[in-house]
Amino acid sequence: MFSDFYRLLVDVGTAVTAEPGAAAAVEQSGEQAATDVAAAGGLNPIFMILIWVAVIGVFYFFSIRPQSKRDKQMKEMQSSLRTGDNVVTTAGFFGKIAEVGDDCFIVEFGTNRGVRVPVRKSDIVGIKEPKLTPSHNDKADGKDGK
């Protein structure tokens, strides 16, 4: 395919050049270039396989493996939760676990813990207590947060 395309270019070049000796030189160098490419045969198939294995290996170590580690840590954390643990959900709500079920927790939300909501275990993303400190704007306005 490459040699046919190159021969077409050489034919066009011969038609354009006025000197017959120059066309013969171009045609000879074109045939040599086509022979060099054909002799090389492209890339070795084993080399191509090794390149693909390397790409897949890099993809595994930089993408798949870290994600599976994070998933494993998250499942361990979710299975170790007990009644009374302060948690944060995927929605960003802070609460305290009131009851533990098979596939969900009953979590109490609010400052007086009067709101009890069932939450799937997979929706708990961490064990964390909210920081209930007043902001700088509240202190500037004369509000203490009390």
N, C-alpha and C. Protein backbone atom coordinates (compact mmCIF):
# COMPACT_ATOMS: atom_id res chain seq x y z
N MET A 1 0.82 -1.18 0.00
CA MET A 1 0.00 0.00 0.00
C MET A 1 0.87 1.25 0.00
N PHE A 2 1.88 1.27 0.89
CA PHE A 2 2.77 2.41 0.95
C PHE A 2 3.56 2.55 -0.35
N SER A 3 4.01 1.41 -0.88
CA SER A 3 4.81 1.48 -2.11
C SER A 3 3.96 1.96 -3.29
N ASP A 4 2.69 1.58 -3.35
CA ASP A 4 1.81 2.07 -4.43
C ASP A 4 1.62 3.58 -4.33
N PHE A 5 1.41 4.06 -3.13
CA PHE A 5 1.24 5.49 -2.93
C PHE A 5 2.53 6.23 -3.31
N TYR A 6 3.66 5.67 -2.91
CA TYR A 6 4.94 6.32 -3.21
C TYR A 6 5.20 6.32 -4.71
N ARG A 7 4.86 5.24 -5.38
CA ARG A 7 5.04 5.19 -6.84
C ARG A 7 4.16 6.23 -7.53
N LEU A 8 2.97 6.44 -7.02
CA LEU A 8 2.10 7.46 -7.58
C LEU A 8 2.75 8.84 -7.43
N LEU A 9 3.33 9.10 -6.26
CA LEU A 9 4.02 10.37 -6.07
C LEU A 9 5.20 10.50 -7.01
N VAL A 10 5.93 9.41 -7.22
CA VAL A 10 7.09 9.45 -8.11
C VAL A 10 6.63 9.71 -9.54
N ASP A 11 5.52 9.08 -9.96
CA ASP A 11 5.00 9.31 -11.31
C ASP A 11 4.60 10.77 -11.50
N VAL A 12 3.97 11.35 -10.50
CA VAL A 12 3.60 12.76 -10.58
C VAL A 12 4.85 13.61 -10.63
N GLY A 13 5.85 13.25 -9.84
CA GLY A 13 7.12 13.98 -9.85
C GLY A 13 7.81 13.87 -11.20
N THR A 14 7.73 12.73 -11.88
CA THR A 14 8.36 12.56 -13.19
C THR A 14 7.65 13.41 -14.23
N ALA A 15 6.36 13.51 -14.10
CA ALA A 15 5.61 14.31 -15.07
C ALA A 15 5.92 15.79 -14.90
N VAL A 16 6.22 16.22 -13.69
CA VAL A 16 6.47 17.62 -13.42
C VAL A 16 7.90 18.02 -13.81
N THR A 17 8.87 17.14 -13.55
CA THR A 17 10.27 17.48 -13.83
C THR A 17 10.54 17.41 -15.32
N ALA A 18 11.38 18.30 -15.77
CA ALA A 18 11.69 18.35 -17.20
C ALA A 18 12.93 17.54 -17.53
N GLU A 19 13.73 17.25 -16.56
CA GLU A 19 14.99 16.56 -16.78
C GLU A 19 14.80 15.07 -16.59
N PRO A 20 15.06 14.20 -17.55
CA PRO A 20 14.86 12.76 -17.41
C PRO A 20 15.80 12.13 -16.39
N GLY A 21 16.99 12.60 -16.22
CA GLY A 21 17.94 12.03 -15.26
C GLY A 21 17.48 12.23 -13.81
N ALA A 22 16.86 13.38 -13.53
CA ALA A 22 16.38 13.67 -12.19
C ALA A 22 15.23 12.76 -11.82
N ALA A 23 14.37 12.46 -12.77
CA ALA A 23 13.24 11.57 -12.51
C ALA A 23 13.71 10.16 -12.21
N ALA A 24 14.73 9.71 -12.90
CA ALA A 24 15.26 8.38 -12.66
C ALA A 24 15.87 8.29 -11.26
N ALA A 25 16.53 9.36 -10.81
CA ALA A 25 17.14 9.37 -9.48
C ALA A 25 16.06 9.36 -8.40
N VAL A 26 14.99 10.12 -8.63
CA VAL A 26 13.88 10.14 -7.67
C VAL A 26 13.22 8.78 -7.61
N GLU A 27 13.01 8.16 -8.76
CA GLU A 27 12.36 6.85 -8.79
C GLU A 27 13.21 5.80 -8.11
N GLN A 28 14.53 5.86 -8.30
CA GLN A 28 15.43 4.89 -7.68
C GLN A 28 15.45 5.06 -6.16
N SER A 29 15.53 6.28 -5.69
CA SER A 29 15.54 6.50 -4.24
C SER A 29 14.18 6.13 -3.64
N GLY A 30 13.09 6.32 -4.39
CA GLY A 30 11.76 5.94 -3.92
C GLY A 30 11.62 4.45 -3.78
N GLU A 31 12.15 3.72 -4.72
CA GLU A 31 12.10 2.25 -4.64
C GLU A 31 12.93 1.74 -3.47
N GLN A 32 14.06 2.39 -3.22
CA GLN A 32 14.91 1.98 -2.10
C GLN A 32 14.20 2.24 -0.77
N ALA A 33 13.49 3.39 -0.66
CA ALA A 33 12.75 3.69 0.57
C ALA A 33 11.63 2.68 0.78
N ALA A 34 10.93 2.32 -0.28
CA ALA A 34 9.86 1.34 -0.16
C ALA A 34 10.41 -0.02 0.23
N THR A 35 11.58 -0.38 -0.30
CA THR A 35 12.21 -1.65 0.05
C THR A 35 12.65 -1.66 1.51
N ASP A 36 13.16 -0.52 2.01
CA ASP A 36 13.59 -0.43 3.41
C ASP A 36 12.41 -0.62 4.36
N VAL A 37 11.28 -0.02 4.04
CA VAL A 37 10.09 -0.16 4.89
C VAL A 37 9.59 -1.59 4.86
N ALA A 38 9.58 -2.20 3.68
CA ALA A 38 9.10 -3.58 3.56
C ALA A 38 10.04 -4.54 4.29
N ALA A 39 11.33 -4.27 4.26
CA ALA A 39 12.30 -5.14 4.93
C ALA A 39 12.16 -5.03 6.44
N ALA A 40 11.84 -3.83 6.91
CA ALA A 40 11.68 -3.66 8.36
C ALA A 40 10.46 -4.41 8.86
N GLY A 41 9.41 -4.48 8.07
CA GLY A 41 8.23 -5.26 8.43
C GLY A 41 7.41 -4.64 9.54
N GLY A 42 7.58 -3.38 9.83
CA GLY A 42 6.83 -2.75 10.92
C GLY A 42 7.40 -3.17 12.26
N LEU A 43 6.57 -3.11 13.31
CA LEU A 43 7.01 -3.51 14.65
C LEU A 43 6.82 -5.00 14.85
N ASN A 44 7.68 -5.56 15.62
CA ASN A 44 7.61 -6.97 15.97
C ASN A 44 6.34 -7.22 16.81
N PRO A 45 5.55 -8.25 16.50
CA PRO A 45 4.32 -8.50 17.26
C PRO A 45 4.57 -8.75 18.75
N ILE A 46 5.67 -9.35 19.09
CA ILE A 46 5.99 -9.59 20.51
C ILE A 46 6.22 -8.26 21.21
N PHE A 47 6.89 -7.34 20.53
CA PHE A 47 7.12 -6.02 21.08
C PHE A 47 5.80 -5.29 21.31
N MET A 48 4.86 -5.42 20.40
CA MET A 48 3.54 -4.79 20.55
C MET A 48 2.79 -5.38 21.75
N ILE A 49 2.88 -6.67 21.93
CA ILE A 49 2.23 -7.32 23.08
C ILE A 49 2.85 -6.82 24.38
N LEU A 50 4.17 -6.68 24.41
CA LEU A 50 4.83 -6.17 25.61
C LEU A 50 4.41 -4.74 25.92
N ILE A 51 4.22 -3.93 24.90
CA ILE A 51 3.77 -2.56 25.11
C ILE A 51 2.37 -2.56 25.72
N TRP A 52 1.46 -3.39 25.21
CA TRP A 52 0.10 -3.47 25.75
C TRP A 52 0.09 -3.98 27.19
N VAL A 53 0.94 -4.95 27.48
CA VAL A 53 1.03 -5.46 28.86
C VAL A 53 1.52 -4.36 29.79
N ALA A 54 2.50 -3.57 29.34
CA ALA A 54 3.01 -2.47 30.16
C ALA A 54 1.94 -1.42 30.39
N VAL A 55 1.17 -1.08 29.38
CA VAL A 55 0.10 -0.07 29.52
C VAL A 55 -0.96 -0.56 30.50
N ILE A 56 -1.36 -1.81 30.38
CA ILE A 56 -2.37 -2.37 31.29
C ILE A 56 -1.82 -2.43 32.71
N GLY A 57 -0.56 -2.78 32.88
CA GLY A 57 0.06 -2.82 34.21
C GLY A 57 0.10 -1.46 34.86
N VAL A 58 0.47 -0.43 34.11
CA VAL A 58 0.49 0.93 34.65
C VAL A 58 -0.93 1.36 35.02
N PHE A 59 -1.89 1.07 34.18
CA PHE A 59 -3.28 1.41 34.46
C PHE A 59 -3.75 0.72 35.74
N TYR A 60 -3.39 -0.54 35.93
CA TYR A 60 -3.80 -1.27 37.13
C TYR A 60 -3.20 -0.64 38.38
N PHE A 61 -1.89 -0.36 38.36
CA PHE A 61 -1.24 0.14 39.58
C PHE A 61 -1.60 1.58 39.91
N PHE A 62 -2.00 2.38 38.93
CA PHE A 62 -2.34 3.76 39.23
C PHE A 62 -3.83 4.03 39.33
N SER A 63 -4.67 3.09 38.93
CA SER A 63 -6.10 3.35 38.94
C SER A 63 -6.90 2.29 39.69
N ILE A 64 -6.79 1.07 39.31
CA ILE A 64 -7.64 0.01 39.86
C ILE A 64 -7.21 -0.37 41.27
N ARG A 65 -5.93 -0.56 41.50
CA ARG A 65 -5.46 -1.02 42.80
C ARG A 65 -5.75 -0.01 43.93
N PRO A 66 -5.46 1.29 43.76
CA PRO A 66 -5.78 2.23 44.84
C PRO A 66 -7.28 2.30 45.14
N GLN A 67 -8.11 2.21 44.10
CA GLN A 67 -9.56 2.25 44.33
C GLN A 67 -10.03 1.04 45.10
N SER A 68 -9.48 -0.14 44.81
CA SER A 68 -9.89 -1.33 45.55
C SER A 68 -9.41 -1.26 47.00
N LYS A 69 -8.25 -0.62 47.25
CA LYS A 69 -7.79 -0.43 48.63
C LYS A 69 -8.74 0.49 49.39
N ARG A 70 -9.17 1.59 48.75
CA ARG A 70 -10.10 2.51 49.41
C ARG A 70 -11.43 1.82 49.69
N ASP A 71 -11.91 1.02 48.75
CA ASP A 71 -13.17 0.29 48.96
C ASP A 71 -13.06 -0.67 50.14
N LYS A 72 -11.92 -1.36 50.24
CA LYS A 72 -11.71 -2.31 51.33
C LYS A 72 -11.68 -1.58 52.68
N GLN A 73 -10.98 -0.43 52.75
CA GLN A 73 -10.94 0.34 53.99
C GLN A 73 -12.32 0.85 54.37
N MET A 74 -13.11 1.28 53.37
CA MET A 74 -14.45 1.79 53.65
C MET A 74 -15.35 0.68 54.19
N LYS A 75 -15.27 -0.51 53.61
CA LYS A 75 -16.08 -1.63 54.10
C LYS A 75 -15.68 -2.03 55.52
N GLU A 76 -14.38 -2.01 55.82
CA GLU A 76 -13.92 -2.33 57.18
C GLU A 76 -14.45 -1.31 58.17
N MET A 77 -14.40 -0.02 57.81
CA MET A 77 -14.90 1.02 58.69
C MET A 77 -16.40 0.87 58.91
N GLN A 78 -17.15 0.59 57.85
CA GLN A 78 -18.60 0.45 57.97
C GLN A 78 -18.98 -0.77 58.79
N SER A 79 -18.20 -1.84 58.71
CA SER A 79 -18.53 -3.03 59.49
C SER A 79 -18.14 -2.88 60.96
N SER A 80 -17.24 -1.95 61.27
CA SER A 80 -16.81 -1.77 62.66
C SER A 80 -17.66 -0.76 63.41
N LEU A 81 -18.65 -0.13 62.77
CA LEU A 81 -19.48 0.87 63.44
C LEU A 81 -20.37 0.23 64.49
N ARG A 82 -20.51 0.90 65.61
CA ARG A 82 -21.32 0.42 66.73
C ARG A 82 -22.30 1.50 67.17
N THR A 83 -23.22 1.13 68.01
CA THR A 83 -24.18 2.08 68.57
C THR A 83 -23.44 3.14 69.38
N GLY A 84 -23.80 4.39 69.14
CA GLY A 84 -23.17 5.51 69.86
C GLY A 84 -22.06 6.19 69.08
N ASP A 85 -21.63 5.64 67.95
CA ASP A 85 -20.59 6.27 67.14
C ASP A 85 -21.15 7.49 66.41
N ASN A 86 -20.38 8.57 66.40
CA ASN A 86 -20.75 9.75 65.63
C ASN A 86 -20.26 9.56 64.20
N VAL A 87 -21.16 9.75 63.23
CA VAL A 87 -20.84 9.47 61.84
C VAL A 87 -21.22 10.65 60.96
N VAL A 88 -20.69 10.64 59.72
CA VAL A 88 -21.08 11.59 58.69
C VAL A 88 -21.54 10.78 57.49
N THR A 89 -22.62 11.24 56.85
CA THR A 89 -23.19 10.53 55.70
C THR A 89 -22.66 11.12 54.40
N THR A 90 -23.00 10.47 53.28
CA THR A 90 -22.58 10.97 51.97
C THR A 90 -23.20 12.33 51.68
N ALA A 91 -24.34 12.63 52.28
CA ALA A 91 -24.99 13.93 52.09
C ALA A 91 -24.36 15.01 52.95
N GLY A 92 -23.46 14.64 53.87
CA GLY A 92 -22.81 15.61 54.73
C GLY A 92 -23.50 15.82 56.06
N PHE A 93 -24.49 15.00 56.38
CA PHE A 93 -25.18 15.11 57.66
C PHE A 93 -24.40 14.38 58.74
N PHE A 94 -24.30 15.04 59.90
CA PHE A 94 -23.67 14.43 61.06
C PHE A 94 -24.75 13.83 61.95
N GLY A 95 -24.48 12.67 62.49
CA GLY A 95 -25.44 12.04 63.38
C GLY A 95 -24.78 11.03 64.28
N LYS A 96 -25.60 10.42 65.13
CA LYS A 96 -25.11 9.41 66.06
C LYS A 96 -25.90 8.14 65.82
N ILE A 97 -25.22 7.00 65.73
CA ILE A 97 -25.89 5.73 65.48
C ILE A 97 -26.68 5.32 66.72
N ALA A 98 -27.99 5.09 66.54
CA ALA A 98 -28.85 4.68 67.64
C ALA A 98 -29.05 3.16 67.63
N GLU A 99 -29.19 2.58 66.45
CA GLU A 99 -29.38 1.13 66.32
C GLU A 99 -28.62 0.63 65.10
N VAL A 100 -28.20 -0.63 65.18
CA VAL A 100 -27.48 -1.26 64.07
C VAL A 100 -28.34 -2.39 63.53
N GLY A 101 -28.62 -2.36 62.22
CA GLY A 101 -29.38 -3.42 61.58
C GLY A 101 -28.48 -4.22 60.64
N ASP A 102 -29.11 -5.11 59.86
CA ASP A 102 -28.33 -5.93 58.93
C ASP A 102 -27.75 -5.10 57.78
N ASP A 103 -28.59 -4.30 57.15
CA ASP A 103 -28.13 -3.53 55.99
C ASP A 103 -28.27 -2.02 56.18
N CYS A 104 -28.74 -1.59 57.37
CA CYS A 104 -28.85 -0.15 57.61
C CYS A 104 -28.66 0.16 59.09
N PHE A 105 -28.44 1.44 59.35
CA PHE A 105 -28.34 1.96 60.71
C PHE A 105 -29.53 2.89 60.95
N ILE A 106 -29.92 3.01 62.20
CA ILE A 106 -30.85 4.07 62.59
C ILE A 106 -29.97 5.17 63.17
N VAL A 107 -29.96 6.32 62.51
CA VAL A 107 -29.08 7.42 62.90
C VAL A 107 -29.93 8.55 63.44
N GLU A 108 -29.51 9.11 64.57
CA GLU A 108 -30.19 10.26 65.16
C GLU A 108 -29.51 11.53 64.68
N PHE A 109 -30.32 12.46 64.14
CA PHE A 109 -29.81 13.73 63.64
C PHE A 109 -30.36 14.86 64.49
N GLY A 110 -29.69 15.99 64.48
CA GLY A 110 -30.16 17.17 65.19
C GLY A 110 -29.43 17.34 66.51
N THR A 111 -29.58 18.54 67.08
CA THR A 111 -28.88 18.83 68.33
C THR A 111 -29.51 18.11 69.52
N ASN A 112 -30.82 17.90 69.48
CA ASN A 112 -31.46 17.19 70.58
C ASN A 112 -31.65 15.70 70.27
N ARG A 113 -31.13 15.27 69.12
CA ARG A 113 -31.18 13.86 68.69
C ARG A 113 -32.61 13.33 68.62
N GLY A 114 -33.54 14.19 68.24
CA GLY A 114 -34.92 13.76 68.17
C GLY A 114 -35.32 13.16 66.83
N VAL A 115 -34.50 13.34 65.82
CA VAL A 115 -34.84 12.85 64.49
C VAL A 115 -34.08 11.55 64.25
N ARG A 116 -34.83 10.46 64.07
CA ARG A 116 -34.22 9.14 63.84
C ARG A 116 -34.53 8.70 62.41
N VAL A 117 -33.48 8.47 61.63
CA VAL A 117 -33.64 8.15 60.21
C VAL A 117 -32.85 6.89 59.89
N PRO A 118 -33.48 5.94 59.17
CA PRO A 118 -32.71 4.78 58.72
C PRO A 118 -31.78 5.19 57.57
N VAL A 119 -30.53 4.76 57.67
CA VAL A 119 -29.51 5.10 56.67
C VAL A 119 -28.81 3.82 56.25
N ARG A 120 -28.65 3.64 54.93
CA ARG A 120 -27.92 2.45 54.46
C ARG A 120 -26.48 2.49 54.95
N LYS A 121 -25.91 1.32 55.17
CA LYS A 121 -24.53 1.26 55.63
C LYS A 121 -23.57 1.86 54.62
N SER A 122 -23.86 1.72 53.34
CA SER A 122 -22.97 2.26 52.31
C SER A 122 -23.00 3.79 52.26
N ASP A 123 -24.00 4.43 52.89
CA ASP A 123 -24.08 5.88 52.89
C ASP A 123 -23.29 6.53 54.02
N ILE A 124 -22.71 5.74 54.90
CA ILE A 124 -21.86 6.26 55.96
C ILE A 124 -20.43 6.33 55.42
N VAL A 125 -19.85 7.54 55.42
CA VAL A 125 -18.52 7.70 54.83
C VAL A 125 -17.42 7.96 55.85
N GLY A 126 -17.78 8.18 57.09
CA GLY A 126 -16.72 8.40 58.07
C GLY A 126 -17.24 8.48 59.49
N ILE A 127 -16.31 8.31 60.42
CA ILE A 127 -16.61 8.47 61.84
C ILE A 127 -16.06 9.83 62.22
N LYS A 128 -16.97 10.76 62.52
CA LYS A 128 -16.54 12.12 62.75
C LYS A 128 -17.59 12.88 63.54
N GLU A 129 -17.12 13.74 64.46
CA GLU A 129 -18.02 14.61 65.19
C GLU A 129 -17.98 15.99 64.55
N PRO A 130 -19.13 16.67 64.50
CA PRO A 130 -19.11 18.02 63.92
C PRO A 130 -18.41 19.01 64.84
N LYS A 131 -17.77 20.00 64.25
CA LYS A 131 -17.15 21.07 65.04
C LYS A 131 -18.20 22.15 65.21
N LEU A 132 -18.64 22.34 66.43
CA LEU A 132 -19.71 23.30 66.71
C LEU A 132 -19.13 24.55 67.36
N THR A 133 -18.16 25.16 66.70
CA THR A 133 -17.57 26.39 67.22
C THR A 133 -18.18 27.57 66.48
N PRO A 134 -18.32 28.70 67.15
CA PRO A 134 -18.89 29.87 66.48
C PRO A 134 -17.93 30.40 65.42
N SER A 135 -18.49 30.99 64.37
CA SER A 135 -17.67 31.55 63.30
C SER A 135 -17.21 32.95 63.66
N HIS A 136 -16.33 33.53 62.88
CA HIS A 136 -15.82 34.87 63.12
C HIS A 136 -16.92 35.91 62.96
N ASN A 137 -17.87 35.69 62.07
CA ASN A 137 -18.96 36.64 61.85
C ASN A 137 -19.87 36.71 63.06
N ASP A 138 -20.10 35.58 63.75
CA ASP A 138 -20.94 35.57 64.94
C ASP A 138 -20.29 36.37 66.06
N LYS A 139 -18.97 36.27 66.21
CA LYS A 139 -18.27 37.02 67.27
C LYS A 139 -18.28 38.51 66.96
N ALA A 140 -18.18 38.87 65.68
CA ALA A 140 -18.17 40.28 65.30
C ALA A 140 -19.54 40.92 65.51
N ASP A 141 -20.61 40.15 65.35
CA ASP A 141 -21.96 40.65 65.52
C ASP A 141 -22.37 40.70 66.99
N GLY A 142 -21.55 40.20 67.88
CA GLY A 142 -21.88 40.17 69.29
C GLY A 142 -22.58 38.91 69.72
N LYS A 143 -22.66 37.92 68.81
CA LYS A 143 -23.30 36.67 69.15
C LYS A 143 -22.24 35.69 69.60
N ASP A 144 -22.48 35.05 70.71
CA ASP A 144 -21.52 34.09 71.24
C ASP A 144 -21.82 32.68 70.80
N GLY A 145 -22.95 32.43 70.24
CA GLY A 145 -23.36 31.08 69.92
C GLY A 145 -23.98 30.40 71.12
N LYS A 146 -24.28 31.20 72.22
CA LYS A 146 -24.86 30.63 73.43
C LYS A 146 -26.33 30.85 73.44
